[in-house]
Amino acid sequence: MENKIKPIAGSLGVAMFFIIAIVAWISDCEPGTCAYRALVGGIVAYIVVSIAGRIILRILVDEIIENQVRQYSQRYTEDR
């Protein structure tokens, strides 16, 4: 599951890179400044999406496991 987060984070990082570069270019920044801001923004977006995706994935998996254990324990107590 975590292997699916990295491509999504990469795509969003690249998209953010271009969005920031276009906004900086429209704002009449120097080319070096545009590139630096876009690069940093893309890297930050990648890191944030990777971390947030892993946290959300772990919360969902833990909740699914807890739900399954709860259902199993209810079935076990009903059978007795």
PDB file of N, CA and C in Angstrom:
ATOM      1  N   MET A   1       0.812  -1.198   0.000  1.00  0.00           N
ATOM      2  CA  MET A   1       0.000   0.000   0.000  1.00  0.00           C
ATOM      3  C   MET A   1       0.855   1.262   0.000  1.00  0.00           C
ATOM      4  N   GLU A   2       1.955   1.226   0.767  1.00  0.00           N
ATOM      5  CA  GLU A   2       2.794   2.418   0.823  1.00  0.00           C
ATOM      6  C   GLU A   2       3.483   2.679  -0.513  1.00  0.00           C
ATOM      7  N   ASN A   3       3.602   1.655  -1.350  1.00  0.00           N
ATOM      8  CA  ASN A   3       4.204   1.846  -2.670  1.00  0.00           C
ATOM      9  C   ASN A   3       3.316   2.698  -3.563  1.00  0.00           C
ATOM     10  N   LYS A   4       2.025   2.774  -3.264  1.00  0.00           N
ATOM     11  CA  LYS A   4       1.120   3.591  -4.058  1.00  0.00           C
ATOM     12  C   LYS A   4       1.158   5.049  -3.646  1.00  0.00           C
ATOM     13  N   ILE A   5       1.687   5.342  -2.475  1.00  0.00           N
ATOM     14  CA  ILE A   5       1.750   6.715  -1.995  1.00  0.00           C
ATOM     15  C   ILE A   5       2.868   7.483  -2.697  1.00  0.00           C
ATOM     16  N   LYS A   6       3.997   6.835  -2.932  1.00  0.00           N
ATOM     17  CA  LYS A   6       5.145   7.513  -3.529  1.00  0.00           C
ATOM     18  C   LYS A   6       4.856   8.080  -4.925  1.00  0.00           C
ATOM     19  N   PRO A   7       4.208   7.327  -5.828  1.00  0.00           N
ATOM     20  CA  PRO A   7       3.904   7.928  -7.134  1.00  0.00           C
ATOM     21  C   PRO A   7       2.928   9.100  -7.038  1.00  0.00           C
ATOM     22  N   ILE A   8       1.969   9.001  -6.133  1.00  0.00           N
ATOM     23  CA  ILE A   8       1.027  10.110  -5.953  1.00  0.00           C
ATOM     24  C   ILE A   8       1.759  11.328  -5.415  1.00  0.00           C
ATOM     25  N   ALA A   9       2.618  11.117  -4.428  1.00  0.00           N
ATOM     26  CA  ALA A   9       3.392  12.221  -3.863  1.00  0.00           C
ATOM     27  C   ALA A   9       4.320  12.825  -4.920  1.00  0.00           C
ATOM     28  N   GLY A  10       4.911  11.977  -5.741  1.00  0.00           N
ATOM     29  CA  GLY A  10       5.780  12.479  -6.810  1.00  0.00           C
ATOM     30  C   GLY A  10       5.019  13.301  -7.822  1.00  0.00           C
ATOM     31  N   SER A  11       3.849  12.830  -8.214  1.00  0.00           N
ATOM     32  CA  SER A  11       3.038  13.575  -9.178  1.00  0.00           C
ATOM     33  C   SER A  11       2.611  14.927  -8.619  1.00  0.00           C
ATOM     34  N   LEU A  12       2.189  14.923  -7.362  1.00  0.00           N
ATOM     35  CA  LEU A  12       1.786  16.192  -6.752  1.00  0.00           C
ATOM     36  C   LEU A  12       2.975  17.123  -6.553  1.00  0.00           C
ATOM     37  N   GLY A  13       4.135  16.568  -6.249  1.00  0.00           N
ATOM     38  CA  GLY A  13       5.339  17.386  -6.123  1.00  0.00           C
ATOM     39  C   GLY A  13       5.722  18.043  -7.441  1.00  0.00           C
ATOM     40  N   VAL A  14       5.638  17.286  -8.525  1.00  0.00           N
ATOM     41  CA  VAL A  14       5.954  17.839  -9.850  1.00  0.00           C
ATOM     42  C   VAL A  14       4.921  18.898 -10.240  1.00  0.00           C
ATOM     43  N   ALA A  15       3.650  18.613  -9.987  1.00  0.00           N
ATOM     44  CA  ALA A  15       2.600  19.586 -10.290  1.00  0.00           C
ATOM     45  C   ALA A  15       2.814  20.873  -9.498  1.00  0.00           C
ATOM     46  N   MET A  16       3.157  20.729  -8.218  1.00  0.00           N
ATOM     47  CA  MET A  16       3.399  21.911  -7.383  1.00  0.00           C
ATOM     48  C   MET A  16       4.614  22.681  -7.883  1.00  0.00           C
ATOM     49  N   PHE A  17       5.636  21.972  -8.348  1.00  0.00           N
ATOM     50  CA  PHE A  17       6.815  22.623  -8.915  1.00  0.00           C
ATOM     51  C   PHE A  17       6.415  23.559 -10.056  1.00  0.00           C
ATOM     52  N   PHE A  18       5.614  23.037 -10.987  1.00  0.00           N
ATOM     53  CA  PHE A  18       5.232  23.848 -12.135  1.00  0.00           C
ATOM     54  C   PHE A  18       4.274  24.970 -11.756  1.00  0.00           C
ATOM     55  N   ILE A  19       3.373  24.705 -10.836  1.00  0.00           N
ATOM     56  CA  ILE A  19       2.446  25.759 -10.401  1.00  0.00           C
ATOM     57  C   ILE A  19       3.214  26.910  -9.750  1.00  0.00           C
ATOM     58  N   ILE A  20       4.135  26.582  -8.857  1.00  0.00           N
ATOM     59  CA  ILE A  20       4.925  27.633  -8.197  1.00  0.00           C
ATOM     60  C   ILE A  20       5.806  28.356  -9.205  1.00  0.00           C
ATOM     61  N   ALA A  21       6.390  27.632 -10.153  1.00  0.00           N
ATOM     62  CA  ALA A  21       7.228  28.265 -11.161  1.00  0.00           C
ATOM     63  C   ALA A  21       6.424  29.241 -12.012  1.00  0.00           C
ATOM     64  N   ILE A  22       5.214  28.856 -12.399  1.00  0.00           N
ATOM     65  CA  ILE A  22       4.374  29.742 -13.221  1.00  0.00           C
ATOM     66  C   ILE A  22       3.953  30.968 -12.421  1.00  0.00           C
ATOM     67  N   VAL A  23       3.556  30.760 -11.174  1.00  0.00           N
ATOM     68  CA  VAL A  23       3.151  31.901 -10.340  1.00  0.00           C
ATOM     69  C   VAL A  23       4.325  32.849 -10.116  1.00  0.00           C
ATOM     70  N   ALA A  24       5.500  32.316  -9.856  1.00  0.00           N
ATOM     71  CA  ALA A  24       6.673  33.162  -9.656  1.00  0.00           C
ATOM     72  C   ALA A  24       7.045  33.885 -10.949  1.00  0.00           C
ATOM     73  N   TRP A  25       6.899  33.223 -12.087  1.00  0.00           N
ATOM     74  CA  TRP A  25       7.209  33.849 -13.376  1.00  0.00           C
ATOM     75  C   TRP A  25       6.235  34.983 -13.676  1.00  0.00           C
ATOM     76  N   ILE A  26       4.959  34.756 -13.379  1.00  0.00           N
ATOM     77  CA  ILE A  26       3.954  35.802 -13.596  1.00  0.00           C
ATOM     78  C   ILE A  26       4.209  36.983 -12.660  1.00  0.00           C
ATOM     79  N   SER A  27       4.761  36.726 -11.489  1.00  0.00           N
ATOM     80  CA  SER A  27       5.040  37.780 -10.515  1.00  0.00           C
ATOM     81  C   SER A  27       6.334  38.527 -10.813  1.00  0.00           C
ATOM     82  N   ASP A  28       6.934  38.282 -11.956  1.00  0.00           N
ATOM     83  CA  ASP A  28       8.168  38.951 -12.405  1.00  0.00           C
ATOM     84  C   ASP A  28       9.359  38.732 -11.477  1.00  0.00           C
ATOM     85  N   CYS A  29       9.527  37.510 -11.027  1.00  0.00           N
ATOM     86  CA  CYS A  29      10.707  37.163 -10.238  1.00  0.00           C
ATOM     87  C   CYS A  29      11.861  36.843 -11.177  1.00  0.00           C
ATOM     88  N   GLU A  30      13.059  36.872 -10.624  1.00  0.00           N
ATOM     89  CA  GLU A  30      14.236  36.478 -11.392  1.00  0.00           C
ATOM     90  C   GLU A  30      14.145  34.990 -11.715  1.00  0.00           C
ATOM     91  N   PRO A  31      14.714  34.544 -12.829  1.00  0.00           N
ATOM     92  CA  PRO A  31      14.646  33.119 -13.176  1.00  0.00           C
ATOM     93  C   PRO A  31      15.231  32.200 -12.109  1.00  0.00           C
ATOM     94  N   GLY A  32      16.336  32.612 -11.494  1.00  0.00           N
ATOM     95  CA  GLY A  32      16.939  31.796 -10.437  1.00  0.00           C
ATOM     96  C   GLY A  32      16.029  31.701  -9.222  1.00  0.00           C
ATOM     97  N   THR A  33      15.377  32.805  -8.901  1.00  0.00           N
ATOM     98  CA  THR A  33      14.448  32.812  -7.776  1.00  0.00           C
ATOM     99  C   THR A  33      13.245  31.921  -8.070  1.00  0.00           C
ATOM    100  N   CYS A  34      12.726  31.998  -9.306  1.00  0.00           N
ATOM    101  CA  CYS A  34      11.606  31.139  -9.714  1.00  0.00           C
ATOM    102  C   CYS A  34      11.980  29.669  -9.564  1.00  0.00           C
ATOM    103  N   ALA A  35      13.157  29.327 -10.063  1.00  0.00           N
ATOM    104  CA  ALA A  35      13.594  27.931 -10.017  1.00  0.00           C
ATOM    105  C   ALA A  35      13.790  27.461  -8.583  1.00  0.00           C
ATOM    106  N   TYR A  36      14.413  28.297  -7.760  1.00  0.00           N
ATOM    107  CA  TYR A  36      14.664  27.918  -6.366  1.00  0.00           C
ATOM    108  C   TYR A  36      13.348  27.720  -5.614  1.00  0.00           C
ATOM    109  N   ARG A  37      12.441  28.668  -5.747  1.00  0.00           N
ATOM    110  CA  ARG A  37      11.149  28.556  -5.062  1.00  0.00           C
ATOM    111  C   ARG A  37      10.365  27.346  -5.545  1.00  0.00           C
ATOM    112  N   ALA A  38      10.376  27.123  -6.845  1.00  0.00           N
ATOM    113  CA  ALA A  38       9.648  25.979  -7.397  1.00  0.00           C
ATOM    114  C   ALA A  38      10.250  24.669  -6.913  1.00  0.00           C
ATOM    115  N   LEU A  39      11.569  24.584  -6.885  1.00  0.00           N
ATOM    116  CA  LEU A  39      12.230  23.360  -6.422  1.00  0.00           C
ATOM    117  C   LEU A  39      11.918  23.077  -4.955  1.00  0.00           C
ATOM    118  N   VAL A  40      12.058  24.093  -4.129  1.00  0.00           N
ATOM    119  CA  VAL A  40      11.779  23.916  -2.701  1.00  0.00           C
ATOM    120  C   VAL A  40      10.302  23.576  -2.490  1.00  0.00           C
ATOM    121  N   GLY A  41       9.410  24.253  -3.203  1.00  0.00           N
ATOM    122  CA  GLY A  41       7.983  23.973  -3.078  1.00  0.00           C
ATOM    123  C   GLY A  41       7.634  22.555  -3.503  1.00  0.00           C
ATOM    124  N   GLY A  42       8.239  22.086  -4.579  1.00  0.00           N
ATOM    125  CA  GLY A  42       7.999  20.720  -5.040  1.00  0.00           C
ATOM    126  C   GLY A  42       8.491  19.682  -4.050  1.00  0.00           C
ATOM    127  N   ILE A  43       9.662  19.917  -3.489  1.00  0.00           N
ATOM    128  CA  ILE A  43      10.217  18.986  -2.500  1.00  0.00           C
ATOM    129  C   ILE A  43       9.357  18.960  -1.240  1.00  0.00           C
ATOM    130  N   VAL A  44       8.946  20.137  -0.775  1.00  0.00           N
ATOM    131  CA  VAL A  44       8.104  20.206   0.416  1.00  0.00           C
ATOM    132  C   VAL A  44       6.767  19.518   0.167  1.00  0.00           C
ATOM    133  N   ALA A  45       6.175  19.728  -1.004  1.00  0.00           N
ATOM    134  CA  ALA A  45       4.902  19.074  -1.329  1.00  0.00           C
ATOM    135  C   ALA A  45       5.068  17.557  -1.337  1.00  0.00           C
ATOM    136  N   TYR A  46       6.151  17.062  -1.907  1.00  0.00           N
ATOM    137  CA  TYR A  46       6.414  15.615  -1.929  1.00  0.00           C
ATOM    138  C   TYR A  46       6.517  15.052  -0.513  1.00  0.00           C
ATOM    139  N   ILE A  47       7.277  15.733   0.334  1.00  0.00           N
ATOM    140  CA  ILE A  47       7.476  15.253   1.701  1.00  0.00           C
ATOM    141  C   ILE A  47       6.171  15.278   2.485  1.00  0.00           C
ATOM    142  N   VAL A  48       5.422  16.372   2.358  1.00  0.00           N
ATOM    143  CA  VAL A  48       4.167  16.497   3.109  1.00  0.00           C
ATOM    144  C   VAL A  48       3.166  15.432   2.676  1.00  0.00           C
ATOM    145  N   VAL A  49       3.024  15.227   1.369  1.00  0.00           N
ATOM    146  CA  VAL A  49       2.070  14.224   0.880  1.00  0.00           C
ATOM    147  C   VAL A  49       2.521  12.819   1.277  1.00  0.00           C
ATOM    148  N   SER A  50       3.813  12.540   1.254  1.00  0.00           N
ATOM    149  CA  SER A  50       4.312  11.221   1.666  1.00  0.00           C
ATOM    150  C   SER A  50       4.005  10.948   3.128  1.00  0.00           C
ATOM    151  N   ILE A  51       4.296  11.913   3.980  1.00  0.00           N
ATOM    152  CA  ILE A  51       4.060  11.723   5.413  1.00  0.00           C
ATOM    153  C   ILE A  51       2.571  11.632   5.710  1.00  0.00           C
ATOM    154  N   ALA A  52       1.794  12.552   5.152  1.00  0.00           N
ATOM    155  CA  ALA A  52       0.356  12.537   5.400  1.00  0.00           C
ATOM    156  C   ALA A  52      -0.281  11.258   4.859  1.00  0.00           C
ATOM    157  N   GLY A  53       0.159  10.805   3.710  1.00  0.00           N
ATOM    158  CA  GLY A  53      -0.373   9.571   3.135  1.00  0.00           C
ATOM    159  C   GLY A  53      -0.088   8.359   4.002  1.00  0.00           C
ATOM    160  N   ARG A  54       1.129   8.287   4.533  1.00  0.00           N
ATOM    161  CA  ARG A  54       1.469   7.165   5.422  1.00  0.00           C
ATOM    162  C   ARG A  54       0.655   7.205   6.704  1.00  0.00           C
ATOM    163  N   ILE A  55       0.476   8.403   7.257  1.00  0.00           N
ATOM    164  CA  ILE A  55      -0.311   8.522   8.489  1.00  0.00           C
ATOM    165  C   ILE A  55      -1.749   8.092   8.238  1.00  0.00           C
ATOM    166  N   ILE A  56      -2.342   8.582   7.167  1.00  0.00           N
ATOM    167  CA  ILE A  56      -3.725   8.225   6.844  1.00  0.00           C
ATOM    168  C   ILE A  56      -3.845   6.731   6.583  1.00  0.00           C
ATOM    169  N   LEU A  57      -2.886   6.171   5.870  1.00  0.00           N
ATOM    170  CA  LEU A  57      -2.909   4.736   5.587  1.00  0.00           C
ATOM    171  C   LEU A  57      -2.823   3.914   6.867  1.00  0.00           C
ATOM    172  N   ARG A  58      -1.952   4.297   7.775  1.00  0.00           N
ATOM    173  CA  ARG A  58      -1.836   3.555   9.037  1.00  0.00           C
ATOM    174  C   ARG A  58      -3.096   3.666   9.872  1.00  0.00           C
ATOM    175  N   ILE A  59      -3.716   4.835   9.890  1.00  0.00           N
ATOM    176  CA  ILE A  59      -4.965   5.001  10.639  1.00  0.00           C
ATOM    177  C   ILE A  59      -6.042   4.097  10.058  1.00  0.00           C
ATOM    178  N   LEU A  60      -6.160   4.079   8.734  1.00  0.00           N
ATOM    179  CA  LEU A  60      -7.169   3.235   8.101  1.00  0.00           C
ATOM    180  C   LEU A  60      -6.920   1.750   8.348  1.00  0.00           C
ATOM    181  N   VAL A  61      -5.689   1.317   8.210  1.00  0.00           N
ATOM    182  CA  VAL A  61      -5.363  -0.098   8.425  1.00  0.00           C
ATOM    183  C   VAL A  61      -5.612  -0.486   9.878  1.00  0.00           C
ATOM    184  N   ASP A  62      -5.203   0.362  10.815  1.00  0.00           N
ATOM    185  CA  ASP A  62      -5.453   0.064  12.232  1.00  0.00           C
ATOM    186  C   ASP A  62      -6.942  -0.032  12.529  1.00  0.00           C
ATOM    187  N   GLU A  63      -7.731   0.850  11.924  1.00  0.00           N
ATOM    188  CA  GLU A  63      -9.173   0.826  12.146  1.00  0.00           C
ATOM    189  C   GLU A  63      -9.807  -0.430  11.546  1.00  0.00           C
ATOM    190  N   ILE A  64      -9.346  -0.835  10.381  1.00  0.00           N
ATOM    191  CA  ILE A  64      -9.863  -2.061   9.756  1.00  0.00           C
ATOM    192  C   ILE A  64      -9.516  -3.277  10.618  1.00  0.00           C
ATOM    193  N   ILE A  65      -8.286  -3.339  11.106  1.00  0.00           N
ATOM    194  CA  ILE A  65      -7.880  -4.466  11.947  1.00  0.00           C
ATOM    195  C   ILE A  65      -8.689  -4.482  13.243  1.00  0.00           C
ATOM    196  N   GLU A  66      -8.854  -3.315  13.848  1.00  0.00           N
ATOM    197  CA  GLU A  66      -9.631  -3.246  15.089  1.00  0.00           C
ATOM    198  C   GLU A  66     -11.075  -3.675  14.862  1.00  0.00           C
ATOM    199  N   ASN A  67     -11.646  -3.286  13.744  1.00  0.00           N
ATOM    200  CA  ASN A  67     -13.014  -3.680  13.410  1.00  0.00           C
ATOM    201  C   ASN A  67     -13.119  -5.197  13.228  1.00  0.00           C
ATOM    202  N   GLN A  68     -12.155  -5.785  12.544  1.00  0.00           N
ATOM    203  CA  GLN A  68     -12.166  -7.232  12.340  1.00  0.00           C
ATOM    204  C   GLN A  68     -12.010  -7.987  13.662  1.00  0.00           C
ATOM    205  N   VAL A  69     -11.141  -7.509  14.529  1.00  0.00           N
ATOM    206  CA  VAL A  69     -10.962  -8.147  15.840  1.00  0.00           C
ATOM    207  C   VAL A  69     -12.248  -8.040  16.649  1.00  0.00           C
ATOM    208  N   ARG A  70     -12.896  -6.890  16.599  1.00  0.00           N
ATOM    209  CA  ARG A  70     -14.150  -6.698  17.320  1.00  0.00           C
ATOM    210  C   ARG A  70     -15.228  -7.653  16.807  1.00  0.00           C
ATOM    211  N   GLN A  71     -15.329  -7.804  15.494  1.00  0.00           N
ATOM    212  CA  GLN A  71     -16.313  -8.722  14.923  1.00  0.00           C
ATOM    213  C   GLN A  71     -15.996 -10.166  15.303  1.00  0.00           C
ATOM    214  N   TYR A  72     -14.738 -10.528  15.269  1.00  0.00           N
ATOM    215  CA  TYR A  72     -14.339 -11.890  15.629  1.00  0.00           C
ATOM    216  C   TYR A  72     -14.650 -12.170  17.092  1.00  0.00           C
ATOM    217  N   SER A  73     -14.357 -11.213  17.969  1.00  0.00           N
ATOM    218  CA  SER A  73     -14.610 -11.434  19.401  1.00  0.00           C
ATOM    219  C   SER A  73     -16.107 -11.516  19.683  1.00  0.00           C
ATOM    220  N   GLN A  74     -16.925 -10.764  18.939  1.00  0.00           N
ATOM    221  CA  GLN A  74     -18.372 -10.865  19.118  1.00  0.00           C
ATOM    222  C   GLN A  74     -18.877 -12.233  18.675  1.00  0.00           C
ATOM    223  N   ARG A  75     -18.382 -12.737  17.586  1.00  0.00           N
ATOM    224  CA  ARG A  75     -18.779 -14.071  17.111  1.00  0.00           C
ATOM    225  C   ARG A  75     -18.348 -15.150  18.102  1.00  0.00           C
ATOM    226  N   TYR A  76     -17.154 -14.981  18.649  1.00  0.00           N
ATOM    227  CA  TYR A  76     -16.626 -15.967  19.593  1.00  0.00           C
ATOM    228  C   TYR A  76     -17.457 -15.992  20.865  1.00  0.00           C
ATOM    229  N   THR A  77     -17.830 -14.832  21.381  1.00  0.00           N
ATOM    230  CA  THR A  77     -18.632 -14.794  22.610  1.00  0.00           C
ATOM    231  C   THR A  77     -20.060 -15.255  22.371  1.00  0.00           C
ATOM    232  N   GLU A  78     -20.601 -15.068  21.174  1.00  0.00           N
ATOM    233  CA  GLU A  78     -21.940 -15.522  20.858  1.00  0.00           C
ATOM    234  C   GLU A  78     -21.998 -17.044  20.731  1.00  0.00           C
ATOM    235  N   ASP A  79     -20.932 -17.674  20.258  1.00  0.00           N
ATOM    236  CA  ASP A  79     -20.889 -19.107  20.089  1.00  0.00           C
ATOM    237  C   ASP A  79     -20.823 -19.848  21.422  1.00  0.00           C
ATOM    238  N   ARG A  80     -20.395 -19.226  22.453  1.00  0.00           N
ATOM    239  CA  ARG A  80     -20.263 -19.878  23.750  1.00  0.00           C
ATOM    240  C   ARG A  80     -21.551 -19.907  24.418  1.00  0.00           C
TER     241      ARG A  80
END
